[in-house]
């Protein structure tokens, strides 16, 4: 059986050449290098001050936000009273009574006893006692 010829044409088209792969650029170009030799000292200090002010402002805003959620903070001050002042009573000290300057008197007497009655070494304690007596006399009048 004779074969038939298709006239020189094949039933399949000729394969096309593959296009070259396209280049994929995922990374951005490198950033330019900044030199710090052009800045001044005052510019650096000003920058630091501005940064500190921004940090302080941010901290204050954060404190306000926490206070609005948790409620305001309360600070309690506690007074530590010595045994001598506690024995005389708090009313006598507040009213400028005779023992209002007892602590200063005792410190001055202790200084005189340890320094052999040399008042120049105890000048600080004497000044504190005089100030206390002056302030207590102002409060009582």
C-alpha atoms as a PDB file:
ATOM      1  CA  UNK A   1       0.000   0.000   0.000  1.00  0.00           C
ATOM      2  CA  UNK A   2       1.315   3.197  -1.021  1.00  0.00           C
ATOM      3  CA  UNK A   3       1.577   6.016   1.376  1.00  0.00           C
ATOM      4  CA  UNK A   4      -0.040   9.245   0.744  1.00  0.00           C
ATOM      5  CA  UNK A   5       1.897  12.416   0.884  1.00  0.00           C
ATOM      6  CA  UNK A   6       0.423  15.541   2.338  1.00  0.00           C
ATOM      7  CA  UNK A   7       2.204  17.792  -0.040  1.00  0.00           C
ATOM      8  CA  UNK A   8       5.161  18.525   2.223  1.00  0.00           C
ATOM      9  CA  UNK A   9       3.087  19.871   5.019  1.00  0.00           C
ATOM     10  CA  UNK A  10       2.984  18.243   8.386  1.00  0.00           C
ATOM     11  CA  UNK A  11      -0.131  18.037  10.473  1.00  0.00           C
ATOM     12  CA  UNK A  12       1.611  19.597  13.470  1.00  0.00           C
ATOM     13  CA  UNK A  13       2.701  23.185  13.551  1.00  0.00           C
ATOM     14  CA  UNK A  14       6.378  23.883  14.096  1.00  0.00           C
ATOM     15  CA  UNK A  15       7.340  24.501  17.713  1.00  0.00           C
ATOM     16  CA  UNK A  16       7.877  28.125  18.628  1.00  0.00           C
ATOM     17  CA  UNK A  17      10.983  29.137  20.499  1.00  0.00           C
ATOM     18  CA  UNK A  18      10.349  29.923  24.196  1.00  0.00           C
ATOM     19  CA  UNK A  19      10.549  33.634  25.068  1.00  0.00           C
ATOM     20  CA  UNK A  20      13.447  34.543  27.360  1.00  0.00           C
ATOM     21  CA  UNK A  21      12.421  34.615  31.047  1.00  0.00           C
ATOM     22  CA  UNK A  22      11.596  38.052  32.321  1.00  0.00           C
ATOM     23  CA  UNK A  23      13.797  39.428  35.079  1.00  0.00           C
ATOM     24  CA  UNK A  24      12.006  39.721  38.437  1.00  0.00           C
ATOM     25  CA  UNK A  25      13.153  42.623  40.645  1.00  0.00           C
ATOM     26  CA  UNK A  26      11.869  42.040  44.207  1.00  0.00           C
ATOM     27  CA  UNK A  27      14.340  44.128  46.201  1.00  0.00           C
ATOM     28  CA  UNK A  28      14.189  47.927  46.279  1.00  0.00           C
ATOM     29  CA  UNK A  29      17.321  49.819  45.337  1.00  0.00           C
ATOM     30  CA  UNK A  30      19.754  50.445  48.218  1.00  0.00           C
ATOM     31  CA  UNK A  31      19.227  53.616  50.227  1.00  0.00           C
ATOM     32  CA  UNK A  32      21.779  56.397  49.785  1.00  0.00           C
ATOM     33  CA  UNK A  33      24.397  56.641  52.537  1.00  0.00           C
ATOM     34  CA  UNK A  34      23.927  59.659  54.772  1.00  0.00           C
ATOM     35  CA  UNK A  35      27.014  61.253  56.179  1.00  0.00           C
ATOM     36  CA  UNK A  36      26.763  62.854  59.597  1.00  0.00           C
ATOM     37  CA  UNK A  37      29.657  65.230  59.032  1.00  0.00           C
ATOM     38  CA  UNK A  38      27.399  68.032  57.794  1.00  0.00           C
ATOM     39  CA  UNK A  39      25.334  68.450  61.016  1.00  0.00           C
ATOM     40  CA  UNK A  40      26.100  70.906  63.769  1.00  0.00           C
ATOM     41  CA  UNK A  41      26.361  70.241  67.477  1.00  0.00           C
ATOM     42  CA  UNK A  42      23.371  72.461  68.213  1.00  0.00           C
ATOM     43  CA  UNK A  43      21.340  70.600  65.608  1.00  0.00           C
ATOM     44  CA  UNK A  44      22.079  67.328  67.400  1.00  0.00           C
ATOM     45  CA  UNK A  45      21.185  68.794  70.788  1.00  0.00           C
ATOM     46  CA  UNK A  46      18.007  70.338  69.374  1.00  0.00           C
ATOM     47  CA  UNK A  47      17.073  66.988  67.879  1.00  0.00           C
ATOM     48  CA  UNK A  48      17.632  65.276  71.221  1.00  0.00           C
ATOM     49  CA  UNK A  49      15.530  67.879  73.049  1.00  0.00           C
ATOM     50  CA  UNK A  50      12.718  67.519  70.525  1.00  0.00           C
ATOM     51  CA  UNK A  51      12.834  63.745  70.872  1.00  0.00           C
ATOM     52  CA  UNK A  52      12.688  64.052  74.678  1.00  0.00           C
ATOM     53  CA  UNK A  53       9.719  66.399  74.499  1.00  0.00           C
ATOM     54  CA  UNK A  54       7.916  64.002  72.176  1.00  0.00           C
ATOM     55  CA  UNK A  55       8.624  61.114  74.556  1.00  0.00           C
ATOM     56  CA  UNK A  56       7.375  63.133  77.529  1.00  0.00           C
ATOM     57  CA  UNK A  57       4.215  64.131  75.695  1.00  0.00           C
ATOM     58  CA  UNK A  58       3.569  60.532  74.687  1.00  0.00           C
ATOM     59  CA  UNK A  59       4.091  59.419  78.259  1.00  0.00           C
ATOM     60  CA  UNK A  60       1.645  62.039  79.557  1.00  0.00           C
ATOM     61  CA  UNK A  61      -0.964  60.988  76.994  1.00  0.00           C
ATOM     62  CA  UNK A  62      -0.499  57.345  77.992  1.00  0.00           C
ATOM     63  CA  UNK A  63      -0.889  58.214  81.689  1.00  0.00           C
ATOM     64  CA  UNK A  64      -4.129  60.056  80.936  1.00  0.00           C
ATOM     65  CA  UNK A  65      -5.415  57.113  78.919  1.00  0.00           C
ATOM     66  CA  UNK A  66      -4.650  54.677  81.741  1.00  0.00           C
ATOM     67  CA  UNK A  67      -6.193  57.045  84.297  1.00  0.00           C
ATOM     68  CA  UNK A  68      -9.375  57.270  82.237  1.00  0.00           C
ATOM     69  CA  UNK A  69      -9.674  53.479  82.209  1.00  0.00           C
ATOM     70  CA  UNK A  70      -8.394  52.603  85.686  1.00  0.00           C
ATOM     71  CA  UNK A  71      -9.441  55.734  87.570  1.00  0.00           C
ATOM     72  CA  UNK A  72      -7.232  58.516  88.899  1.00  0.00           C
ATOM     73  CA  UNK A  73      -4.153  57.681  90.893  1.00  0.00           C
ATOM     74  CA  UNK A  74      -4.150  58.710  94.524  1.00  0.00           C
ATOM     75  CA  UNK A  75      -1.012  59.453  96.492  1.00  0.00           C
ATOM     76  CA  UNK A  76      -1.017  59.149 100.254  1.00  0.00           C
ATOM     77  CA  UNK A  77       1.647  60.849 102.341  1.00  0.00           C
ATOM     78  CA  UNK A  78       2.550  59.284 105.636  1.00  0.00           C
ATOM     79  CA  UNK A  79       4.220  61.281 108.366  1.00  0.00           C
ATOM     80  CA  UNK A  80       6.809  59.508 110.472  1.00  0.00           C
ATOM     81  CA  UNK A  81       6.697  60.811 114.036  1.00  0.00           C
ATOM     82  CA  UNK A  82       9.604  60.316 116.436  1.00  0.00           C
ATOM     83  CA  UNK A  83       8.977  58.894 119.913  1.00  0.00           C
ATOM     84  CA  UNK A  84       9.633  62.236 121.646  1.00  0.00           C
ATOM     85  CA  UNK A  85       7.136  64.069 119.455  1.00  0.00           C
ATOM     86  CA  UNK A  86       4.582  61.277 119.840  1.00  0.00           C
ATOM     87  CA  UNK A  87       4.860  61.467 123.653  1.00  0.00           C
ATOM     88  CA  UNK A  88       4.220  65.220 123.689  1.00  0.00           C
ATOM     89  CA  UNK A  89       1.172  64.776 121.475  1.00  0.00           C
ATOM     90  CA  UNK A  90       0.549  66.074 117.967  1.00  0.00           C
ATOM     91  CA  UNK A  91      -1.643  68.960 119.186  1.00  0.00           C
ATOM     92  CA  UNK A  92       1.189  70.600 121.129  1.00  0.00           C
ATOM     93  CA  UNK A  93       3.519  70.487 118.122  1.00  0.00           C
ATOM     94  CA  UNK A  94       0.880  71.878 115.771  1.00  0.00           C
ATOM     95  CA  UNK A  95      -0.097  74.681 118.149  1.00  0.00           C
ATOM     96  CA  UNK A  96       3.488  75.787 118.774  1.00  0.00           C
ATOM     97  CA  UNK A  97       3.561  74.477 122.321  1.00  0.00           C
ATOM     98  CA  UNK A  98       6.656  74.272 124.510  1.00  0.00           C
ATOM     99  CA  UNK A  99       7.874  71.019 122.945  1.00  0.00           C
ATOM    100  CA  UNK A 100       7.377  72.102 119.352  1.00  0.00           C
ATOM    101  CA  UNK A 101      11.168  72.517 119.023  1.00  0.00           C
ATOM    102  CA  UNK A 102      12.086  69.654 121.356  1.00  0.00           C
ATOM    103  CA  UNK A 103      13.817  67.681 118.654  1.00  0.00           C
ATOM    104  CA  UNK A 104      16.035  70.673 117.751  1.00  0.00           C
ATOM    105  CA  UNK A 105      16.739  71.404 121.425  1.00  0.00           C
ATOM    106  CA  UNK A 106      17.794  67.793 122.013  1.00  0.00           C
ATOM    107  CA  UNK A 107      20.062  67.802 118.941  1.00  0.00           C
ATOM    108  CA  UNK A 108      21.692  71.052 120.078  1.00  0.00           C
ATOM    109  CA  UNK A 109      22.214  69.708 123.624  1.00  0.00           C
ATOM    110  CA  UNK A 110      23.700  66.458 122.295  1.00  0.00           C
ATOM    111  CA  UNK A 111      26.108  68.436 120.114  1.00  0.00           C
ATOM    112  CA  UNK A 112      27.195  70.581 123.068  1.00  0.00           C
ATOM    113  CA  UNK A 113      27.733  67.478 125.226  1.00  0.00           C
ATOM    114  CA  UNK A 114      29.871  65.734 122.592  1.00  0.00           C
ATOM    115  CA  UNK A 115      31.908  68.792 121.567  1.00  0.00           C
ATOM    116  CA  UNK A 116      32.866  69.867 125.079  1.00  0.00           C
ATOM    117  CA  UNK A 117      30.710  73.015 125.167  1.00  0.00           C
ATOM    118  CA  UNK A 118      32.368  74.427 122.015  1.00  0.00           C
ATOM    119  CA  UNK A 119      29.430  76.297 120.504  1.00  0.00           C
ATOM    120  CA  UNK A 120      31.196  76.977 117.194  1.00  0.00           C
ATOM    121  CA  UNK A 121      30.963  73.264 116.302  1.00  0.00           C
ATOM    122  CA  UNK A 122      27.217  73.317 117.005  1.00  0.00           C
ATOM    123  CA  UNK A 123      26.333  76.491 115.079  1.00  0.00           C
ATOM    124  CA  UNK A 124      24.144  74.555 112.622  1.00  0.00           C
ATOM    125  CA  UNK A 125      22.012  73.068 115.414  1.00  0.00           C
ATOM    126  CA  UNK A 126      21.728  76.426 117.152  1.00  0.00           C
ATOM    127  CA  UNK A 127      20.509  78.068 113.917  1.00  0.00           C
ATOM    128  CA  UNK A 128      17.931  75.312 113.393  1.00  0.00           C
ATOM    129  CA  UNK A 129      16.680  75.758 116.964  1.00  0.00           C
ATOM    130  CA  UNK A 130      16.418  79.551 116.530  1.00  0.00           C
ATOM    131  CA  UNK A 131      14.457  79.106 113.248  1.00  0.00           C
ATOM    132  CA  UNK A 132      12.108  76.630 114.900  1.00  0.00           C
ATOM    133  CA  UNK A 133      11.433  78.950 117.823  1.00  0.00           C
ATOM    134  CA  UNK A 134      10.856  81.888 115.470  1.00  0.00           C
ATOM    135  CA  UNK A 135       8.395  79.856 113.340  1.00  0.00           C
ATOM    136  CA  UNK A 136       6.543  78.484 116.370  1.00  0.00           C
ATOM    137  CA  UNK A 137       6.103  81.981 117.806  1.00  0.00           C
ATOM    138  CA  UNK A 138       4.624  83.146 114.469  1.00  0.00           C
ATOM    139  CA  UNK A 139       2.165  80.249 114.443  1.00  0.00           C
ATOM    140  CA  UNK A 140       0.951  80.912 117.987  1.00  0.00           C
ATOM    141  CA  UNK A 141       0.210  84.586 117.347  1.00  0.00           C
END
